[in-house]
Protein backbone atom coordinates (compact mmCIF):
# COMPACT_ATOMS: atom_id res chain seq x y z
CA MET A 1 -1.84 -42.90 16.00
CA ILE A 2 -3.92 -46.53 15.86
CA ARG A 3 -3.20 -48.20 12.72
CA HIS A 4 -5.54 -50.60 11.60
CA ILE A 5 -4.89 -53.53 9.28
CA VAL A 6 -7.60 -55.76 8.13
CA MET A 7 -6.96 -58.49 5.77
CA TRP A 8 -9.68 -61.02 3.79
CA GLN A 9 -9.92 -64.01 1.95
CA LEU A 10 -13.07 -63.83 0.00
CA HIS A 11 -15.22 -66.90 -1.66
CA ASP A 12 -13.99 -65.85 -5.21
CA PRO A 13 -10.92 -63.75 -5.57
CA ALA A 14 -12.23 -62.23 -8.76
CA ASP A 15 -14.08 -59.81 -6.44
CA ALA A 16 -10.94 -58.22 -4.94
CA PRO A 17 -11.76 -55.42 -7.47
CA LYS A 18 -15.11 -54.79 -6.31
CA PHE A 19 -14.36 -55.29 -2.53
CA LYS A 20 -11.51 -52.58 -3.28
CA GLU A 21 -14.29 -50.48 -4.54
CA LEU A 22 -16.38 -50.62 -1.69
CA LEU A 23 -13.95 -50.17 0.65
CA ASP A 24 -12.64 -47.48 -0.59
CA SER A 25 -16.03 -45.52 -0.26
CA CYS A 26 -15.44 -45.56 3.48
CA LYS A 27 -12.09 -43.86 3.13
CA SER A 28 -13.62 -40.16 4.41
CA VAL A 29 -16.74 -41.24 6.49
CA VAL A 30 -14.98 -39.58 9.63
CA PRO A 31 -12.55 -37.07 10.75
CA GLY A 32 -9.47 -38.38 11.39
CA ILE A 33 -8.34 -41.02 9.08
CA LEU A 34 -4.49 -40.27 8.50
CA GLU A 35 -3.85 -42.84 6.24
CA TRP A 36 -5.81 -45.39 3.90
CA GLU A 37 -4.50 -48.22 1.13
CA VAL A 38 -6.45 -51.35 -0.29
CA GLY A 39 -4.05 -53.85 -1.90
CA ILE A 40 -5.35 -56.78 -3.72
CA ARG A 41 -3.54 -59.81 -4.81
CA SER A 42 -1.14 -58.97 -7.19
CA PRO A 43 -0.04 -62.17 -9.79
CA ARG A 44 3.71 -63.48 -9.46
CA LEU A 45 3.81 -61.43 -5.80
CA GLU A 46 3.13 -63.89 -2.40
CA ALA A 47 0.10 -63.89 -0.43
CA SER A 48 -2.09 -65.56 1.94
CA VAL A 49 -4.90 -63.49 1.53
CA ASP A 50 -6.96 -61.68 -1.66
CA VAL A 51 -7.45 -58.07 0.09
CA VAL A 52 -6.06 -55.80 2.69
CA LEU A 53 -6.11 -53.12 4.29
CA VAL A 54 -3.87 -50.51 5.71
CA SER A 55 -5.43 -47.32 7.34
CA ALA A 56 -4.51 -45.11 10.07
CA PHE A 57 -6.76 -43.39 12.85
CA ALA A 58 -5.20 -40.28 14.67
CA ASP A 59 -6.46 -42.22 18.08
CA LYS A 60 -8.87 -44.59 19.48
CA ALA A 61 -11.73 -42.25 19.26
CA ALA A 62 -11.52 -41.90 15.18
CA LEU A 63 -11.24 -45.15 15.14
CA ASP A 64 -14.49 -46.18 17.22
CA ALA A 65 -16.49 -43.21 15.23
CA TYR A 66 -15.29 -44.91 11.86
CA GLN A 67 -16.00 -48.31 13.03
CA ASN A 68 -20.11 -47.04 14.09
CA HIS A 69 -20.80 -44.87 10.92
CA PRO A 70 -23.60 -46.38 9.33
CA HIS A 71 -21.89 -46.48 6.37
CA HIS A 72 -19.55 -48.09 7.00
CA LYS A 73 -21.47 -50.32 8.60
CA ALA A 74 -23.51 -51.00 5.66
CA VAL A 75 -20.55 -51.84 3.71
CA GLY A 76 -19.25 -54.35 5.99
CA ALA A 77 -22.73 -55.90 5.74
CA GLN A 78 -21.89 -56.34 1.85
CA LEU A 79 -18.01 -57.42 2.00
CA GLY A 80 -19.07 -59.97 4.76
CA ALA A 81 -21.16 -61.88 1.97
CA MET A 82 -18.35 -61.88 -0.14
CA ARG A 83 -15.28 -63.02 1.98
CA SER A 84 -14.84 -66.41 3.89
CA HIS A 85 -12.43 -65.48 6.72
CA ARG A 86 -11.43 -61.86 8.47
CA MET A 87 -7.84 -60.81 10.47
CA VAL A 88 -7.73 -57.71 11.99
CA LEU A 89 -4.91 -56.29 14.13
CA ASP A 90 -5.09 -52.19 16.14
CA TYR A 91 -2.56 -51.08 17.27
CA PRO A 92 -0.91 -47.89 18.53
CA THR A 93 1.78 -46.43 16.45
CA LEU A 94 3.86 -42.93 16.04
CA ALA A 95 2.43 -39.79 14.68
CA PRO A 96 2.47 -40.26 10.39
CA GLY A 97 5.78 -39.88 8.78
CA LEU A 98 8.28 -40.90 11.56
CA ALA A 99 8.24 -44.38 10.25
CA ASP A 100 8.96 -42.89 7.13
CA VAL A 101 12.72 -41.68 7.93
CA ASP A 102 15.30 -42.90 5.37
CA LEU A 103 18.63 -43.04 8.00
CA ALA A 104 20.34 -43.24 4.84
CA GLN A 105 19.69 -40.50 4.05
CA ASP A 106 18.99 -38.08 7.16
CA LEU A 107 22.16 -38.24 9.71
CA SER A 108 20.09 -35.53 11.73
CA PHE A 109 20.20 -37.88 14.56
CA ALA A 110 23.82 -38.80 14.68
CA PRO A 111 25.32 -37.06 17.33
CA THR A 112 28.35 -35.96 15.48
CA ALA A 113 28.32 -36.26 11.28
CA PRO A 114 30.59 -38.79 9.71
CA GLY A 115 34.39 -38.24 9.88
CA ALA A 116 36.92 -39.23 7.08
CA LEU A 117 38.33 -42.69 7.33
């Protein structure tokens, strides 16, 4: 799985809802998009960017198909006019769900059950 995270600083932070709407129009353009979340700056919470996309793709081929899709390219052109800065990080990661195990609740990983003290 490939995690694809992109962050944008906008010329006008008030454009963040429209920016999010445009991004969300891309969330199902190709098979292999496993996760998709767009967040925008919230009052009273720390932020150094206005918009973030946190997504996951089944593999590099799915990410490449997304990045080369005509709809993604058209949306990217619109977003490009609205942003002053863009940062991206793509990296391989575990399969979906593996990072969501609550170890405080799931002791199945332990070789023996905890005993009484």
